Amino acid sequence: MQTNFTTEQLADPDVAASEKILRACVHCGFCTATCPTYVLLGDELDSPRGRIYLIKQMLEEGKPATRDVTTHLDRCLSCLACMTTCPSGVHYQHLIDHARAHVEETYRRPWHDRTLRALLAFILPHPKRFRVALLGAALARPFRFVLPPGRLRAMLDMARDVPGPDATDRDGVFPALGRRRARVALLAGCAQRVLAPSINAATIRLLTRHGVEVVVTGGCCGALPHHLGKVDPSHELAASLIGQWVAELDGEGLDAIVVNASGCGTQVKDYGWMFRDDPALAKDAARVSLLARDITEFVTTLDLPAPSQGSGLTVAYHSACSMQHGQKITREPKALLQAAGFTVREPLDAHLCCGSAGTYNLLQPAIASQLKARKAATLAATGADLMATGNVGCMTQLADAVGMPVVHTVELLDWATGGPRPEALGSR
């Protein structure tokens, strides 16, 4: 793609980086076939290729974002399926991130939109605030039917009962059982810590039982405000985590930084890029990114023993977009589940998004509900006994739609190798 940026514009490192990405696009259109919003809406401007044109024009003109451009960019899920499909290696992830930051800086949204986005960025990255918000939503849920279809009703629909805290729901060091084989940091997370503390608990049990010392560190990775275009809050959260992890690296050392929410994993692995121009953090951010591993990536290195308790269950594996497209992890989760004694099946539309996408199902509920219904139908068509995935957002999105129990992959691996039966399975 030919670009026409001025020398002064290219002096901005973000513009210079986006210009290189734009020039890599050859207009081939392969991305349209795998873009969920284009598949649903059929609008070229709601495809990656169309959005690339809009971003190019917006950045070249150097003008504030318009309402129309913002509408089409807001409809992007950041599922990154286009990056998997693209034969030219267009790094759409970094391009859409830059565009969203430009929109946030230059476009004044309607007051209700600004308020909702500000609330999401204020509440979701902080577990205590999120827990209080969920308790409030539980009180309001019986009155949801008086609300018109839209964002407020979608928020109440998505709200879940708050599970009680697990004994492992704390920061600190969890020693390896027996001889220590490795030492890792585990990202405790934010929303997941409230919605499904059982995931961290299963992760800690699985790792410590197999000789891994686990250092649990708190805090949000910054992904939620990052995808809202809120650069400063996102960077502040990320910088805090980087500081905690570097202290461990320079202290007793770490063999890996383990993340069990694939959306967070994609973000942490991008820290090196996020802080590339920050002289104070660039080196440490790059160290963190290189050490980051999804839980299934790391567990693969442990050579788990044969399952100690067979299940005979068939699992519908839903590969989160942040897992298969963001981190390019496709083989490990399925191989681990099969080795643990489960039969694994995938839906026919495995490459397409379920509509969760961070806060997307709250900000774009109409599109998200269509994607959810389609994904739930294809998962149910597998005839599986339960669904497993590696991202809490997908779990929350699909739990009430697939007609089967929904668990995290690590909960099944923990169960198969000596841990407790996942609570979601009940007596199955």
Protein backbone atom coordinates (compact mmCIF):
# COMPACT_ATOMS: atom_id res chain seq x y z
CA MET A 1 0.00 0.00 0.00
CA GLN A 2 1.35 3.40 -0.99
CA THR A 3 1.48 5.94 1.82
CA ASN A 4 1.89 9.72 1.86
CA PHE A 5 3.12 10.71 5.30
CA THR A 6 5.20 13.84 5.70
CA THR A 7 8.69 13.84 7.19
CA GLU A 8 7.31 15.63 10.24
CA GLN A 9 4.65 12.94 10.74
CA LEU A 10 7.19 10.14 10.43
CA ALA A 11 9.22 11.72 13.22
CA ASP A 12 6.55 10.30 15.55
CA PRO A 13 7.68 6.72 16.36
CA ASP A 14 4.08 5.44 16.46
CA VAL A 15 3.28 6.91 13.05
CA ALA A 16 6.54 5.57 11.63
CA ALA A 17 5.72 2.08 12.91
CA SER A 18 2.17 2.23 11.53
CA GLU A 19 3.46 3.46 8.16
CA LYS A 20 5.59 0.31 7.82
CA ILE A 21 2.57 -1.86 8.67
CA LEU A 22 0.37 -0.04 6.15
CA ARG A 23 2.94 -0.46 3.39
CA ALA A 24 2.96 -4.23 3.94
CA CYS A 25 -0.73 -4.52 2.95
CA VAL A 26 -1.27 -5.58 -0.70
CA HIS A 27 -5.10 -5.32 -0.71
CA CYS A 28 -5.45 -9.06 -1.38
CA GLY A 29 -8.60 -9.47 0.70
CA PHE A 30 -7.70 -12.82 2.26
CA CYS A 31 -8.49 -11.24 5.64
CA THR A 32 -12.14 -10.65 4.77
CA ALA A 33 -12.95 -14.37 4.79
CA THR A 34 -11.87 -14.80 8.41
CA CYS A 35 -13.04 -11.47 9.86
CA PRO A 36 -16.09 -12.11 12.09
CA THR A 37 -17.59 -8.66 11.61
CA TYR A 38 -17.26 -8.78 7.83
CA VAL A 39 -18.79 -12.26 7.78
CA LEU A 40 -21.75 -10.95 9.78
CA LEU A 41 -22.21 -7.45 8.35
CA GLY A 42 -20.84 -7.75 4.81
CA ASP A 43 -19.49 -4.18 4.92
CA GLU A 44 -16.00 -3.66 3.48
CA LEU A 45 -15.35 -1.00 6.13
CA ASP A 46 -16.01 -3.64 8.79
CA SER A 47 -13.22 -5.84 7.41
CA PRO A 48 -9.51 -5.56 8.24
CA ARG A 49 -8.78 -4.27 4.73
CA GLY A 50 -11.45 -1.61 5.04
CA ARG A 51 -10.29 -0.56 8.47
CA ILE A 52 -6.71 -0.35 7.22
CA TYR A 53 -7.86 2.17 4.59
CA LEU A 54 -9.70 4.18 7.24
CA ILE A 55 -6.68 4.18 9.55
CA LYS A 56 -4.34 5.19 6.73
CA GLN A 57 -6.53 8.12 5.76
CA MET A 58 -7.02 9.21 9.39
CA LEU A 59 -3.32 9.13 10.22
CA GLU A 60 -2.15 10.70 6.95
CA GLU A 61 -4.55 13.61 7.30
CA GLY A 62 -3.45 14.06 10.92
CA LYS A 63 -6.97 15.10 11.85
CA PRO A 64 -9.22 14.09 14.73
CA ALA A 65 -11.08 10.81 14.25
CA THR A 66 -14.61 11.13 12.93
CA ARG A 67 -17.77 9.43 14.15
CA ASP A 68 -17.93 7.15 11.12
CA VAL A 69 -14.30 6.04 11.41
CA THR A 70 -14.73 5.48 15.14
CA THR A 71 -17.82 3.35 14.56
CA HIS A 72 -16.01 0.95 12.24
CA LEU A 73 -12.90 0.76 14.42
CA ASP A 74 -15.02 0.15 17.52
CA ARG A 75 -16.62 -2.84 15.79
CA CYS A 76 -13.24 -4.54 15.44
CA LEU A 77 -12.91 -7.40 17.96
CA SER A 78 -9.09 -7.42 17.85
CA CYS A 79 -9.47 -11.18 17.38
CA LEU A 80 -6.40 -11.06 15.08
CA ALA A 81 -7.72 -13.80 12.80
CA CYS A 82 -6.67 -11.50 9.96
CA MET A 83 -3.06 -11.80 11.07
CA THR A 84 -3.23 -15.58 10.88
CA THR A 85 -4.70 -15.38 7.39
CA CYS A 86 -2.59 -12.54 5.95
CA PRO A 87 0.03 -13.80 3.46
CA SER A 88 1.92 -10.48 3.65
CA GLY A 89 2.54 -10.41 7.40
CA VAL A 90 0.57 -7.21 8.09
CA HIS A 91 0.82 -6.63 11.86
CA TYR A 92 -2.75 -5.50 12.28
CA GLN A 93 -2.55 -5.78 16.09
CA HIS A 94 -0.15 -2.87 16.44
CA LEU A 95 -1.97 -0.85 13.80
CA ILE A 96 -5.40 -1.10 15.43
CA ASP A 97 -3.84 -0.37 18.84
CA HIS A 98 -2.33 2.86 17.48
CA ALA A 99 -5.61 3.79 15.80
CA ARG A 100 -7.58 3.30 19.01
CA ALA A 101 -5.17 5.47 20.93
CA HIS A 102 -5.59 8.17 18.25
CA VAL A 103 -9.38 7.91 18.51
CA GLU A 104 -9.26 8.15 22.30
CA GLU A 105 -7.04 11.23 22.08
CA THR A 106 -8.84 13.11 19.31
CA TYR A 107 -12.51 12.06 19.23
CA ARG A 108 -15.08 13.22 21.79
CA ARG A 109 -17.59 10.41 22.19
CA PRO A 110 -21.18 10.94 23.32
CA TRP A 111 -21.35 11.36 27.11
CA HIS A 112 -22.94 7.97 27.78
CA ASP A 113 -20.22 6.21 25.76
CA ARG A 114 -17.45 8.13 27.54
CA THR A 115 -18.98 7.33 30.90
CA LEU A 116 -19.31 3.61 30.24
CA ARG A 117 -15.77 3.30 28.93
CA ALA A 118 -14.39 5.26 31.86
CA LEU A 119 -16.29 3.02 34.30
CA LEU A 120 -15.03 -0.16 32.66
CA ALA A 121 -11.44 1.08 32.79
CA PHE A 122 -11.92 2.15 36.42
CA ILE A 123 -13.59 -1.05 37.68
CA LEU A 124 -12.49 -4.12 35.73
CA PRO A 125 -8.69 -3.97 36.28
CA HIS A 126 -9.20 -3.81 40.07
CA PRO A 127 -10.58 -6.97 41.73
CA LYS A 128 -12.06 -5.26 44.80
CA ARG A 129 -13.94 -2.72 42.71
CA PHE A 130 -15.07 -5.43 40.29
CA ARG A 131 -16.36 -7.61 43.13
CA VAL A 132 -18.44 -4.73 44.50
CA ALA A 133 -19.79 -3.98 41.02
CA LEU A 134 -20.85 -7.62 40.56
CA LEU A 135 -22.63 -7.61 43.91
CA GLY A 136 -24.50 -4.49 42.81
CA ALA A 137 -25.37 -6.12 39.49
CA ALA A 138 -26.75 -9.15 41.33
CA LEU A 139 -29.17 -6.88 43.19
CA ALA A 140 -30.23 -5.16 39.96
CA ARG A 141 -30.52 -8.30 37.82
CA PRO A 142 -34.20 -9.07 38.71
CA PHE A 143 -35.15 -5.72 37.17
CA ARG A 144 -33.24 -6.18 33.90
CA PHE A 145 -36.46 -6.67 31.90
CA VAL A 146 -37.47 -3.04 32.44
CA LEU A 147 -34.37 -1.97 30.51
CA PRO A 148 -34.41 -1.66 26.72
CA PRO A 149 -32.11 -3.99 24.80
CA GLY A 150 -28.64 -2.52 24.80
CA ARG A 151 -25.51 -2.13 26.84
CA LEU A 152 -27.04 -1.88 30.33
CA ARG A 153 -29.10 -5.02 29.88
CA ALA A 154 -26.09 -6.78 28.35
CA MET A 155 -24.02 -5.87 31.40
CA LEU A 156 -26.59 -7.35 33.74
CA ASP A 157 -26.89 -10.44 31.56
CA MET A 158 -23.13 -10.95 31.68
CA ALA A 159 -22.88 -10.42 35.44
CA ARG A 160 -22.23 -13.61 37.38
CA ASP A 161 -22.60 -14.58 41.01
CA VAL A 162 -19.37 -13.88 42.81
CA PRO A 163 -17.61 -17.10 43.88
CA GLY A 164 -16.16 -17.28 47.35
CA PRO A 165 -12.42 -16.71 47.63
CA ASP A 166 -10.16 -19.74 47.32
CA ALA A 167 -7.46 -20.44 49.90
CA THR A 168 -4.87 -19.78 47.20
CA ASP A 169 -6.43 -16.45 46.20
CA ARG A 170 -3.53 -14.39 47.51
CA ASP A 171 -0.18 -13.10 46.42
CA GLY A 172 2.83 -14.96 47.75
CA VAL A 173 5.05 -17.97 47.27
CA PHE A 174 3.66 -21.51 46.95
CA PRO A 175 6.51 -24.01 47.44
CA ALA A 176 7.02 -26.98 45.16
CA LEU A 177 6.07 -30.36 46.57
CA GLY A 178 9.16 -32.53 46.70
CA ARG A 179 12.25 -31.61 44.72
CA ARG A 180 11.98 -28.20 43.07
CA ARG A 181 12.29 -28.48 39.29
CA ALA A 182 11.52 -24.87 38.38
CA ARG A 183 10.43 -21.52 39.76
CA VAL A 184 7.80 -19.41 37.97
CA ALA A 185 5.75 -16.29 38.49
CA LEU A 186 1.99 -16.62 37.98
CA LEU A 187 -0.02 -13.59 36.92
CA ALA A 188 -2.94 -13.48 39.37
CA GLY A 189 -4.93 -11.21 37.04
CA CYS A 190 -7.93 -9.02 37.70
CA ALA A 191 -11.35 -10.05 36.34
CA GLN A 192 -10.45 -13.74 36.36
CA ARG A 193 -9.45 -13.54 40.01
CA VAL A 194 -13.02 -12.50 40.81
CA LEU A 195 -15.02 -14.49 38.26
CA ALA A 196 -13.16 -17.80 38.49
CA PRO A 197 -10.63 -18.11 41.33
CA SER A 198 -10.70 -21.87 40.70
CA ILE A 199 -8.45 -21.32 37.65
CA ASN A 200 -5.54 -19.93 39.64
CA ALA A 201 -6.12 -22.55 42.32
CA ALA A 202 -5.93 -25.38 39.76
CA THR A 203 -2.82 -23.83 38.21
CA ILE A 204 -1.03 -23.62 41.56
CA ARG A 205 -1.99 -27.19 42.49
CA LEU A 206 -0.89 -28.57 39.13
CA LEU A 207 2.47 -26.79 39.14
CA THR A 208 3.43 -27.32 42.77
CA ARG A 209 2.43 -31.00 42.61
CA HIS A 210 4.89 -31.42 39.75
CA GLY A 211 7.83 -29.70 41.39
CA VAL A 212 7.33 -26.06 40.42
CA GLU A 213 7.54 -23.24 42.94
CA VAL A 214 4.93 -20.61 42.14
CA VAL A 215 5.27 -16.91 42.96
CA VAL A 216 1.84 -15.30 42.61
CA THR A 217 1.92 -11.61 41.72
CA GLY A 218 -1.17 -9.44 41.60
CA GLY A 219 -2.32 -6.75 39.26
CA CYS A 220 -3.95 -6.26 35.88
CA CYS A 221 -1.79 -6.75 32.80
CA GLY A 222 -3.27 -3.60 31.24
CA ALA A 223 -5.08 -5.33 28.38
CA LEU A 224 -8.55 -4.03 29.27
CA PRO A 225 -7.71 -0.28 29.20
CA HIS A 226 -5.26 -0.91 26.35
CA HIS A 227 -8.01 -2.10 24.02
CA LEU A 228 -10.10 0.90 25.03
CA GLY A 229 -7.33 3.14 23.68
CA LYS A 230 -6.39 4.36 27.16
CA VAL A 231 -2.62 4.35 26.83
CA ASP A 232 -1.52 5.87 30.13
CA PRO A 233 -3.63 3.66 32.46
CA SER A 234 -2.62 0.59 30.46
CA HIS A 235 1.08 1.42 30.62
CA GLU A 236 0.91 2.18 34.34
CA LEU A 237 -0.59 -1.24 35.09
CA ALA A 238 1.92 -2.99 32.84
CA ALA A 239 4.86 -1.09 34.34
CA SER A 240 3.81 -2.16 37.82
CA LEU A 241 3.84 -5.82 36.82
CA ILE A 242 7.15 -5.49 35.02
CA GLY A 243 8.65 -4.05 38.21
CA GLN A 244 7.38 -6.96 40.30
CA TRP A 245 8.64 -9.58 37.88
CA VAL A 246 12.04 -8.00 37.36
CA ALA A 247 12.50 -7.94 41.14
CA GLU A 248 11.93 -11.71 41.16
CA LEU A 249 14.21 -12.20 38.16
CA ASP A 250 17.02 -10.29 39.82
CA GLY A 251 16.35 -12.01 43.15
CA GLU A 252 15.87 -15.78 43.25
CA GLY A 253 15.26 -15.90 39.50
CA LEU A 254 12.41 -17.22 37.36
CA ASP A 255 12.26 -19.94 34.75
CA ALA A 256 9.07 -18.51 33.24
CA ILE A 257 6.26 -16.04 33.74
CA VAL A 258 3.10 -18.13 33.50
CA VAL A 259 -0.21 -16.66 32.37
CA ASN A 260 -3.43 -18.68 32.41
CA ALA A 261 -5.70 -16.18 30.65
CA SER A 262 -4.74 -16.09 26.98
CA GLY A 263 -5.93 -12.51 26.52
CA CYS A 264 -3.48 -11.44 29.21
CA GLY A 265 -0.78 -13.64 27.73
CA THR A 266 -1.03 -11.90 24.38
CA GLN A 267 -0.65 -8.56 26.12
CA VAL A 268 2.31 -9.55 28.31
CA LYS A 269 4.13 -11.02 25.33
CA ASP A 270 3.74 -7.61 23.65
CA TYR A 271 5.29 -5.59 26.49
CA GLY A 272 8.57 -5.39 24.61
CA TRP A 273 6.78 -3.57 21.79
CA MET A 274 4.67 -1.40 24.10
CA PHE A 275 7.74 -0.02 25.89
CA ARG A 276 10.17 -0.10 22.96
CA ASP A 277 10.71 3.68 23.09
CA ASP A 278 10.78 3.97 26.89
CA PRO A 279 14.44 4.25 27.95
CA ALA A 280 13.58 3.35 31.54
CA LEU A 281 11.56 0.20 30.81
CA ALA A 282 12.44 -1.05 27.32
CA LYS A 283 15.05 -3.58 28.47
CA ASP A 284 13.02 -4.95 31.38
CA ALA A 285 9.84 -5.13 29.30
CA ALA A 286 11.65 -7.15 26.66
CA ARG A 287 12.98 -9.54 29.34
CA VAL A 288 9.44 -10.08 30.63
CA SER A 289 8.00 -10.67 27.16
CA LEU A 290 10.63 -13.29 26.37
CA LEU A 291 9.85 -15.20 29.58
CA ALA A 292 6.04 -15.11 29.27
CA ARG A 293 4.38 -18.48 28.66
CA ASP A 294 0.79 -19.61 28.46
CA ILE A 295 0.14 -22.25 31.11
CA THR A 296 -0.18 -24.95 28.44
CA GLU A 297 3.15 -23.94 26.89
CA PHE A 298 4.88 -24.29 30.23
CA VAL A 299 3.12 -27.49 31.33
CA THR A 300 4.21 -29.13 28.08
CA THR A 301 7.81 -28.85 29.33
CA LEU A 302 6.98 -30.74 32.54
CA ASP A 303 6.32 -34.09 30.86
CA LEU A 304 3.24 -34.83 32.96
CA PRO A 305 2.73 -38.44 34.07
CA ALA A 306 -0.08 -40.58 32.71
CA PRO A 307 -3.49 -39.59 34.10
CA SER A 308 -4.11 -40.91 37.59
CA GLN A 309 -7.86 -40.87 37.14
CA GLY A 310 -9.53 -41.45 33.80
CA SER A 311 -12.57 -39.49 32.79
CA GLY A 312 -13.82 -41.00 29.55
CA LEU A 313 -15.20 -37.56 28.72
CA THR A 314 -15.28 -35.84 25.35
CA VAL A 315 -14.13 -32.22 25.41
CA ALA A 316 -15.15 -29.54 22.94
CA TYR A 317 -12.02 -27.42 22.83
CA HIS A 318 -12.62 -23.74 22.10
CA SER A 319 -9.38 -22.05 21.10
CA ALA A 320 -9.60 -18.43 22.22
CA CYS A 321 -8.61 -15.91 19.55
CA SER A 322 -5.88 -14.57 21.81
CA MET A 323 -4.53 -18.12 22.04
CA GLN A 324 -4.57 -19.23 18.40
CA HIS A 325 -4.20 -15.87 16.64
CA GLY A 326 -2.55 -13.68 19.28
CA GLN A 327 -0.02 -16.21 20.60
CA LYS A 328 -0.09 -18.78 17.75
CA ILE A 329 -0.65 -21.61 20.25
CA THR A 330 -2.75 -24.32 18.64
CA ARG A 331 -1.22 -27.72 19.34
CA GLU A 332 -0.25 -27.73 23.04
CA PRO A 333 -3.67 -27.45 24.74
CA LYS A 334 -5.21 -30.22 22.63
CA ALA A 335 -2.19 -32.50 22.99
CA LEU A 336 -2.20 -32.08 26.76
CA LEU A 337 -5.91 -32.85 27.02
CA GLN A 338 -5.56 -35.94 24.86
CA ALA A 339 -2.59 -37.16 26.90
CA ALA A 340 -4.69 -36.62 30.04
CA GLY A 341 -7.28 -39.09 28.79
CA PHE A 342 -9.87 -36.83 27.16
CA THR A 343 -11.26 -37.12 23.65
CA VAL A 344 -10.90 -33.70 22.04
CA ARG A 345 -13.16 -32.24 19.37
CA GLU A 346 -13.19 -28.77 17.82
CA PRO A 347 -16.10 -26.81 16.32
CA LEU A 348 -16.27 -26.34 12.57
CA ASP A 349 -15.73 -22.58 12.93
CA ALA A 350 -12.77 -22.96 15.31
CA HIS A 351 -10.96 -19.98 13.76
CA LEU A 352 -13.79 -17.50 14.44
CA CYS A 353 -14.39 -15.41 17.55
CA CYS A 354 -17.07 -16.11 20.17
CA GLY A 355 -17.72 -12.38 20.64
CA SER A 356 -16.18 -11.94 24.08
CA ALA A 357 -13.05 -9.97 23.14
CA GLY A 358 -12.37 -8.27 26.47
CA THR A 359 -15.09 -5.65 26.93
CA TYR A 360 -16.49 -6.05 23.40
CA ASN A 361 -19.55 -8.00 24.57
CA LEU A 362 -20.42 -5.07 26.82
CA LEU A 363 -19.72 -2.32 24.27
CA GLN A 364 -21.07 -4.07 21.15
CA PRO A 365 -23.73 -6.42 22.57
CA ALA A 366 -25.71 -6.87 19.35
CA ILE A 367 -22.75 -8.15 17.32
CA ALA A 368 -21.35 -10.09 20.28
CA SER A 369 -24.65 -11.91 20.83
CA GLN A 370 -24.75 -13.06 17.20
CA LEU A 371 -21.20 -14.35 17.40
CA LYS A 372 -22.00 -16.04 20.70
CA ALA A 373 -25.06 -17.84 19.29
CA ARG A 374 -23.14 -19.11 16.27
CA LYS A 375 -20.19 -20.32 18.33
CA ALA A 376 -22.44 -21.98 20.92
CA ALA A 377 -24.27 -23.86 18.16
CA THR A 378 -21.08 -25.21 16.58
CA LEU A 379 -19.69 -26.23 19.97
CA ALA A 380 -22.91 -28.03 20.87
CA ALA A 381 -22.81 -29.79 17.49
CA THR A 382 -19.59 -31.55 18.54
CA GLY A 383 -21.67 -33.71 20.88
CA ALA A 384 -19.10 -33.24 23.64
CA ASP A 385 -19.69 -33.66 27.36
CA LEU A 386 -18.07 -30.37 28.30
CA MET A 387 -16.25 -27.38 26.85
CA ALA A 388 -12.72 -26.31 27.71
CA THR A 389 -10.87 -23.13 26.81
CA GLY A 390 -7.89 -21.10 27.98
CA ASN A 391 -9.49 -17.71 28.47
CA VAL A 392 -11.90 -16.59 31.19
CA GLY A 393 -13.60 -14.10 28.86
CA CYS A 394 -14.66 -16.89 26.51
CA MET A 395 -15.82 -18.96 29.48
CA THR A 396 -18.02 -16.11 30.71
CA GLN A 397 -19.37 -15.43 27.23
CA LEU A 398 -20.35 -19.01 26.43
CA ALA A 399 -21.20 -20.56 29.82
CA ASP A 400 -24.95 -20.03 29.59
CA ALA A 401 -25.25 -20.81 25.87
CA VAL A 402 -23.45 -24.06 25.04
CA GLY A 403 -25.64 -26.42 27.06
CA MET A 404 -22.70 -28.15 28.73
CA PRO A 405 -20.26 -27.44 31.58
CA VAL A 406 -17.52 -24.95 30.77
CA VAL A 407 -14.09 -25.22 32.38
CA HIS A 408 -10.56 -23.97 31.92
CA THR A 409 -8.09 -26.35 30.30
CA VAL A 410 -5.84 -26.25 33.36
CA GLU A 411 -8.70 -27.44 35.60
CA LEU A 412 -8.96 -30.62 33.55
CA LEU A 413 -5.20 -31.17 33.58
CA ASP A 414 -5.15 -30.69 37.35
CA TRP A 415 -8.03 -33.15 37.81
CA ALA A 416 -6.51 -35.78 35.56
CA THR A 417 -3.21 -35.75 37.45
CA GLY A 418 -4.48 -35.92 41.01
CA GLY A 419 -6.40 -32.71 41.67
CA PRO A 420 -10.09 -32.35 42.55
CA ARG A 421 -12.91 -32.67 40.05
CA PRO A 422 -13.75 -29.23 38.58
CA GLU A 423 -16.79 -27.86 40.38
CA ALA A 424 -18.49 -27.02 37.08
CA LEU A 425 -18.68 -30.72 36.21
CA GLY A 426 -20.83 -31.57 39.19
CA SER A 427 -21.36 -35.32 39.35
CA ARG A 428 -20.59 -35.99 35.67
